[in-house]
Amino acid sequence: MTSIFWDETLAEIRKGITERGHPFRFFTLASTGQSGAPNQRTVVFRHFNDDLSLVFYTDERSPKVSQIQKNDTVSLLFYHPEKLLQITIEGKASEITDPQVLKEYWSHVPDGNKKDYTTHIAPGTTMNAPDEIEYLNDRNHFCAIQIEPTRIEYLKIKQPNHVRVLFSKTNESWQGEFLTP
């Protein structure tokens, strides 16, 4: 019975990669900050793999990278305002270190966007004015983060009844169960 919702969940997540302008192109990533409080930020969804892992890119000096190194449990939030569909994913995040994979990903970053990974100072560093950013010519700080989902929650706001389904990964298979919305 939950399989229709599983299929819709995966289809909508895939559309975040394949359909221009789809609301799932961006998602909110929550990780644990230095003080133990959650830190949230919007990231760009880059890859959705056959094993259901998700990938985004960042600067390796970004606080989210060190947060993930200290506590790899993260939460992702996708929201589609027209469909009133919310997908929440909990999982384990890790930095991709395979040089070949990173080279492939880097080759797909548009030239105009590559500068985002070549700033002289790290993201979040205090500066006097936005036009003071200096860029490196000889190296970059490109990093790819992969999230292996362990739980995926589907919530559809609709009338007469909302639908909420929790999908949990057990071994290598996913099991769904309805939850009270």
C-alpha atoms as a PDB file:
ATOM      1  CA  MET A   1       0.000   0.000   0.000  1.00  0.00           C
ATOM      2  CA  THR A   2       2.877   2.404   0.712  1.00  0.00           C
ATOM      3  CA  SER A   3       4.565   1.622  -2.616  1.00  0.00           C
ATOM      4  CA  ILE A   4       2.674   4.353  -4.501  1.00  0.00           C
ATOM      5  CA  PHE A   5       4.064   6.923  -2.075  1.00  0.00           C
ATOM      6  CA  TRP A   6       7.555   5.422  -2.346  1.00  0.00           C
ATOM      7  CA  ASP A   7       7.388   5.691  -6.139  1.00  0.00           C
ATOM      8  CA  GLU A   8       6.168   9.307  -5.939  1.00  0.00           C
ATOM      9  CA  THR A   9       8.921  10.169  -3.445  1.00  0.00           C
ATOM     10  CA  LEU A  10      11.689   8.833  -5.689  1.00  0.00           C
ATOM     11  CA  ALA A  11      10.159  10.394  -8.811  1.00  0.00           C
ATOM     12  CA  GLU A  12       9.969  13.854  -7.225  1.00  0.00           C
ATOM     13  CA  ILE A  13      13.512  13.615  -5.855  1.00  0.00           C
ATOM     14  CA  ARG A  14      14.802  12.645  -9.322  1.00  0.00           C
ATOM     15  CA  LYS A  15      12.979  15.626 -10.829  1.00  0.00           C
ATOM     16  CA  GLY A  16      15.109  17.869  -8.616  1.00  0.00           C
ATOM     17  CA  ILE A  17      18.019  16.844 -10.811  1.00  0.00           C
ATOM     18  CA  THR A  18      16.316  16.413 -14.187  1.00  0.00           C
ATOM     19  CA  GLU A  19      13.695  19.196 -14.385  1.00  0.00           C
ATOM     20  CA  ARG A  20      14.771  22.796 -14.623  1.00  0.00           C
ATOM     21  CA  GLY A  21      13.016  24.916 -12.006  1.00  0.00           C
ATOM     22  CA  HIS A  22      11.788  21.985  -9.900  1.00  0.00           C
ATOM     23  CA  PRO A  23      11.555  23.006  -6.209  1.00  0.00           C
ATOM     24  CA  PHE A  24      13.671  20.006  -5.170  1.00  0.00           C
ATOM     25  CA  ARG A  25      16.696  21.468  -6.999  1.00  0.00           C
ATOM     26  CA  PHE A  26      17.494  23.120  -3.676  1.00  0.00           C
ATOM     27  CA  PHE A  27      17.128  21.539  -0.259  1.00  0.00           C
ATOM     28  CA  THR A  28      17.761  22.500   3.334  1.00  0.00           C
ATOM     29  CA  LEU A  29      20.655  20.669   4.957  1.00  0.00           C
ATOM     30  CA  ALA A  30      20.768  20.467   8.759  1.00  0.00           C
ATOM     31  CA  SER A  31      23.923  19.426  10.562  1.00  0.00           C
ATOM     32  CA  THR A  32      25.112  19.818  14.138  1.00  0.00           C
ATOM     33  CA  GLY A  33      27.046  23.009  14.853  1.00  0.00           C
ATOM     34  CA  GLN A  34      29.962  23.561  17.209  1.00  0.00           C
ATOM     35  CA  SER A  35      27.673  24.394  20.144  1.00  0.00           C
ATOM     36  CA  GLY A  36      25.546  21.297  19.554  1.00  0.00           C
ATOM     37  CA  ALA A  37      22.730  23.374  18.041  1.00  0.00           C
ATOM     38  CA  PRO A  38      21.410  22.478  14.584  1.00  0.00           C
ATOM     39  CA  ASN A  39      22.745  24.533  11.666  1.00  0.00           C
ATOM     40  CA  GLN A  40      20.628  24.820   8.533  1.00  0.00           C
ATOM     41  CA  ARG A  41      21.425  26.080   5.091  1.00  0.00           C
ATOM     42  CA  THR A  42      20.150  25.711   1.552  1.00  0.00           C
ATOM     43  CA  VAL A  43      22.343  23.713  -0.817  1.00  0.00           C
ATOM     44  CA  VAL A  44      22.089  22.811  -4.486  1.00  0.00           C
ATOM     45  CA  PHE A  45      21.150  19.197  -5.204  1.00  0.00           C
ATOM     46  CA  ARG A  46      23.721  17.844  -7.706  1.00  0.00           C
ATOM     47  CA  HIS A  47      23.344  14.062  -8.043  1.00  0.00           C
ATOM     48  CA  PHE A  48      20.871  11.336  -7.126  1.00  0.00           C
ATOM     49  CA  ASN A  49      22.496   7.932  -7.498  1.00  0.00           C
ATOM     50  CA  ASP A  50      20.993   4.489  -8.080  1.00  0.00           C
ATOM     51  CA  ASP A  51      21.724   3.536  -4.456  1.00  0.00           C
ATOM     52  CA  LEU A  52      19.559   6.564  -3.429  1.00  0.00           C
ATOM     53  CA  SER A  53      22.555   8.534  -2.177  1.00  0.00           C
ATOM     54  CA  LEU A  54      22.422  12.280  -2.783  1.00  0.00           C
ATOM     55  CA  VAL A  55      25.332  14.603  -3.547  1.00  0.00           C
ATOM     56  CA  PHE A  56      25.916  18.322  -3.150  1.00  0.00           C
ATOM     57  CA  TYR A  57      29.027  20.445  -3.667  1.00  0.00           C
ATOM     58  CA  THR A  58      30.644  22.857  -1.244  1.00  0.00           C
ATOM     59  CA  ASP A  59      33.913  24.541  -0.350  1.00  0.00           C
ATOM     60  CA  GLU A  60      36.021  22.132   1.727  1.00  0.00           C
ATOM     61  CA  ARG A  61      36.663  24.952   4.230  1.00  0.00           C
ATOM     62  CA  SER A  62      32.940  25.500   4.826  1.00  0.00           C
ATOM     63  CA  PRO A  63      31.759  24.953   8.425  1.00  0.00           C
ATOM     64  CA  LYS A  64      29.361  22.255   7.230  1.00  0.00           C
ATOM     65  CA  VAL A  65      32.317  20.068   6.227  1.00  0.00           C
ATOM     66  CA  SER A  66      33.919  20.144   9.672  1.00  0.00           C
ATOM     67  CA  GLN A  67      30.492  19.653  11.275  1.00  0.00           C
ATOM     68  CA  ILE A  68      29.930  16.532   9.167  1.00  0.00           C
ATOM     69  CA  GLN A  69      33.393  15.248  10.057  1.00  0.00           C
ATOM     70  CA  LYS A  70      32.495  15.537  13.759  1.00  0.00           C
ATOM     71  CA  ASN A  71      28.923  14.244  13.449  1.00  0.00           C
ATOM     72  CA  ASP A  72      27.938  12.610  10.168  1.00  0.00           C
ATOM     73  CA  THR A  73      24.198  12.445  10.933  1.00  0.00           C
ATOM     74  CA  VAL A  74      22.330  15.007   8.835  1.00  0.00           C
ATOM     75  CA  SER A  75      18.778  15.843   7.867  1.00  0.00           C
ATOM     76  CA  LEU A  76      17.566  17.124   4.493  1.00  0.00           C
ATOM     77  CA  LEU A  77      14.306  18.927   3.833  1.00  0.00           C
ATOM     78  CA  PHE A  78      12.694  19.202   0.398  1.00  0.00           C
ATOM     79  CA  TYR A  79       9.438  21.109  -0.103  1.00  0.00           C
ATOM     80  CA  HIS A  80       7.207  21.431  -3.155  1.00  0.00           C
ATOM     81  CA  PRO A  81       4.833  24.376  -2.557  1.00  0.00           C
ATOM     82  CA  GLU A  82       2.442  23.628  -5.435  1.00  0.00           C
ATOM     83  CA  LYS A  83       2.005  19.958  -4.532  1.00  0.00           C
ATOM     84  CA  LEU A  84       2.152  20.659  -0.765  1.00  0.00           C
ATOM     85  CA  LEU A  85       4.654  17.827  -0.562  1.00  0.00           C
ATOM     86  CA  GLN A  86       7.422  17.657   2.012  1.00  0.00           C
ATOM     87  CA  ILE A  87      10.175  15.036   1.909  1.00  0.00           C
ATOM     88  CA  THR A  88      12.520  14.733   4.880  1.00  0.00           C
ATOM     89  CA  ILE A  89      15.615  12.550   4.643  1.00  0.00           C
ATOM     90  CA  GLU A  90      17.834  11.481   7.520  1.00  0.00           C
ATOM     91  CA  GLY A  91      21.173   9.950   6.706  1.00  0.00           C
ATOM     92  CA  LYS A  92      24.905   9.731   7.064  1.00  0.00           C
ATOM     93  CA  ALA A  93      27.035  12.278   5.239  1.00  0.00           C
ATOM     94  CA  SER A  94      30.611  11.828   4.102  1.00  0.00           C
ATOM     95  CA  GLU A  95      33.129  13.648   1.979  1.00  0.00           C
ATOM     96  CA  ILE A  96      33.809  12.025  -1.383  1.00  0.00           C
ATOM     97  CA  THR A  97      37.570  11.492  -1.618  1.00  0.00           C
ATOM     98  CA  ASP A  98      37.927   9.465  -4.820  1.00  0.00           C
ATOM     99  CA  PRO A  99      40.041  11.719  -7.110  1.00  0.00           C
ATOM    100  CA  GLN A 100      38.418  10.360 -10.287  1.00  0.00           C
ATOM    101  CA  VAL A 101      34.889  11.052  -9.028  1.00  0.00           C
ATOM    102  CA  LEU A 102      35.896  14.543  -7.894  1.00  0.00           C
ATOM    103  CA  LYS A 103      37.550  15.246 -11.245  1.00  0.00           C
ATOM    104  CA  GLU A 104      34.371  14.145 -13.041  1.00  0.00           C
ATOM    105  CA  TYR A 105      32.146  16.304 -10.814  1.00  0.00           C
ATOM    106  CA  TRP A 106      34.494  19.304 -11.159  1.00  0.00           C
ATOM    107  CA  SER A 107      34.392  18.992 -14.950  1.00  0.00           C
ATOM    108  CA  HIS A 108      30.611  19.526 -14.865  1.00  0.00           C
ATOM    109  CA  VAL A 109      30.765  22.703 -12.778  1.00  0.00           C
ATOM    110  CA  PRO A 110      30.167  25.630 -15.159  1.00  0.00           C
ATOM    111  CA  ASP A 111      33.259  27.817 -15.541  1.00  0.00           C
ATOM    112  CA  GLY A 112      31.405  30.822 -14.106  1.00  0.00           C
ATOM    113  CA  ASN A 113      30.616  28.865 -10.935  1.00  0.00           C
ATOM    114  CA  LYS A 114      34.104  27.451 -10.382  1.00  0.00           C
ATOM    115  CA  LYS A 115      35.207  30.721  -8.795  1.00  0.00           C
ATOM    116  CA  ASP A 116      32.906  29.927  -5.844  1.00  0.00           C
ATOM    117  CA  TYR A 117      35.421  27.253  -4.839  1.00  0.00           C
ATOM    118  CA  THR A 118      38.532  29.399  -5.339  1.00  0.00           C
ATOM    119  CA  THR A 119      38.160  32.251  -2.857  1.00  0.00           C
ATOM    120  CA  HIS A 120      41.334  33.246  -1.041  1.00  0.00           C
ATOM    121  CA  ILE A 121      39.574  33.185   2.337  1.00  0.00           C
ATOM    122  CA  ALA A 122      37.186  30.537   3.660  1.00  0.00           C
ATOM    123  CA  PRO A 123      33.391  30.874   3.527  1.00  0.00           C
ATOM    124  CA  GLY A 124      32.038  32.664   6.590  1.00  0.00           C
ATOM    125  CA  THR A 125      35.209  34.700   7.149  1.00  0.00           C
ATOM    126  CA  THR A 126      34.602  38.321   8.160  1.00  0.00           C
ATOM    127  CA  MET A 127      35.404  40.897   5.483  1.00  0.00           C
ATOM    128  CA  ASN A 128      34.883  44.647   5.042  1.00  0.00           C
ATOM    129  CA  ALA A 129      32.955  44.628   1.752  1.00  0.00           C
ATOM    130  CA  PRO A 130      31.641  42.038  -0.744  1.00  0.00           C
ATOM    131  CA  ASP A 131      33.816  43.356  -3.562  1.00  0.00           C
ATOM    132  CA  GLU A 132      37.005  42.569  -1.600  1.00  0.00           C
ATOM    133  CA  ILE A 133      36.890  38.872  -2.507  1.00  0.00           C
ATOM    134  CA  GLU A 134      40.107  37.613  -4.054  1.00  0.00           C
ATOM    135  CA  TYR A 135      40.295  34.419  -6.077  1.00  0.00           C
ATOM    136  CA  LEU A 136      43.017  31.819  -6.396  1.00  0.00           C
ATOM    137  CA  ASN A 137      44.295  30.960  -9.865  1.00  0.00           C
ATOM    138  CA  ASP A 138      46.251  27.805  -9.149  1.00  0.00           C
ATOM    139  CA  ARG A 139      43.963  25.713  -6.930  1.00  0.00           C
ATOM    140  CA  ASN A 140      40.435  25.220  -5.655  1.00  0.00           C
ATOM    141  CA  HIS A 141      38.675  24.068  -2.510  1.00  0.00           C
ATOM    142  CA  PHE A 142      36.007  22.004  -4.274  1.00  0.00           C
ATOM    143  CA  CYS A 143      34.391  19.299  -2.174  1.00  0.00           C
ATOM    144  CA  ALA A 144      31.541  16.883  -2.821  1.00  0.00           C
ATOM    145  CA  ILE A 145      29.434  15.514   0.032  1.00  0.00           C
ATOM    146  CA  GLN A 146      27.389  12.335  -0.290  1.00  0.00           C
ATOM    147  CA  ILE A 147      24.431  11.478   1.933  1.00  0.00           C
ATOM    148  CA  GLU A 148      23.405   7.854   2.415  1.00  0.00           C
ATOM    149  CA  PRO A 149      19.751   7.949   3.499  1.00  0.00           C
ATOM    150  CA  THR A 150      18.567   5.811   6.416  1.00  0.00           C
ATOM    151  CA  ARG A 151      15.041   7.236   6.761  1.00  0.00           C
ATOM    152  CA  ILE A 152      12.831   9.045   4.266  1.00  0.00           C
ATOM    153  CA  GLU A 153       9.571  10.638   5.338  1.00  0.00           C
ATOM    154  CA  TYR A 154       6.823  11.618   2.913  1.00  0.00           C
ATOM    155  CA  LEU A 155       4.178  14.169   3.969  1.00  0.00           C
ATOM    156  CA  LYS A 156       1.444  15.293   1.606  1.00  0.00           C
ATOM    157  CA  ILE A 157      -0.903  18.024   2.791  1.00  0.00           C
ATOM    158  CA  LYS A 158      -4.232  17.303   1.128  1.00  0.00           C
ATOM    159  CA  GLN A 159      -7.933  17.157   1.828  1.00  0.00           C
ATOM    160  CA  PRO A 160      -9.802  15.425   3.293  1.00  0.00           C
ATOM    161  CA  ASN A 161      -6.776  13.714   4.911  1.00  0.00           C
ATOM    162  CA  HIS A 162      -3.064  14.385   4.960  1.00  0.00           C
ATOM    163  CA  VAL A 163      -0.817  11.429   4.159  1.00  0.00           C
ATOM    164  CA  ARG A 164       2.391  10.714   6.051  1.00  0.00           C
ATOM    165  CA  VAL A 165       4.615   7.706   5.401  1.00  0.00           C
ATOM    166  CA  LEU A 166       7.939   6.780   6.976  1.00  0.00           C
ATOM    167  CA  PHE A 167      10.334   4.669   4.910  1.00  0.00           C
ATOM    168  CA  SER A 168      13.159   3.056   6.888  1.00  0.00           C
ATOM    169  CA  LYS A 169      16.142   1.228   5.510  1.00  0.00           C
ATOM    170  CA  THR A 170      16.669  -2.223   6.975  1.00  0.00           C
ATOM    171  CA  ASN A 171      19.712  -4.025   5.606  1.00  0.00           C
ATOM    172  CA  GLU A 172      19.452  -3.210   1.905  1.00  0.00           C
ATOM    173  CA  SER A 173      15.671  -2.840   1.570  1.00  0.00           C
ATOM    174  CA  TRP A 174      13.207  -0.080   2.379  1.00  0.00           C
ATOM    175  CA  GLN A 175      10.052  -0.637   4.428  1.00  0.00           C
ATOM    176  CA  GLY A 176       7.191   1.843   4.618  1.00  0.00           C
ATOM    177  CA  GLU A 177       4.651   2.466   7.341  1.00  0.00           C
ATOM    178  CA  PHE A 178       1.910   5.058   7.618  1.00  0.00           C
ATOM    179  CA  LEU A 179       2.157   7.636  10.393  1.00  0.00           C
ATOM    180  CA  THR A 180      -0.470   9.901  11.870  1.00  0.00           C
ATOM    181  CA  PRO A 181       0.031  13.250  10.070  1.00  0.00           C
END
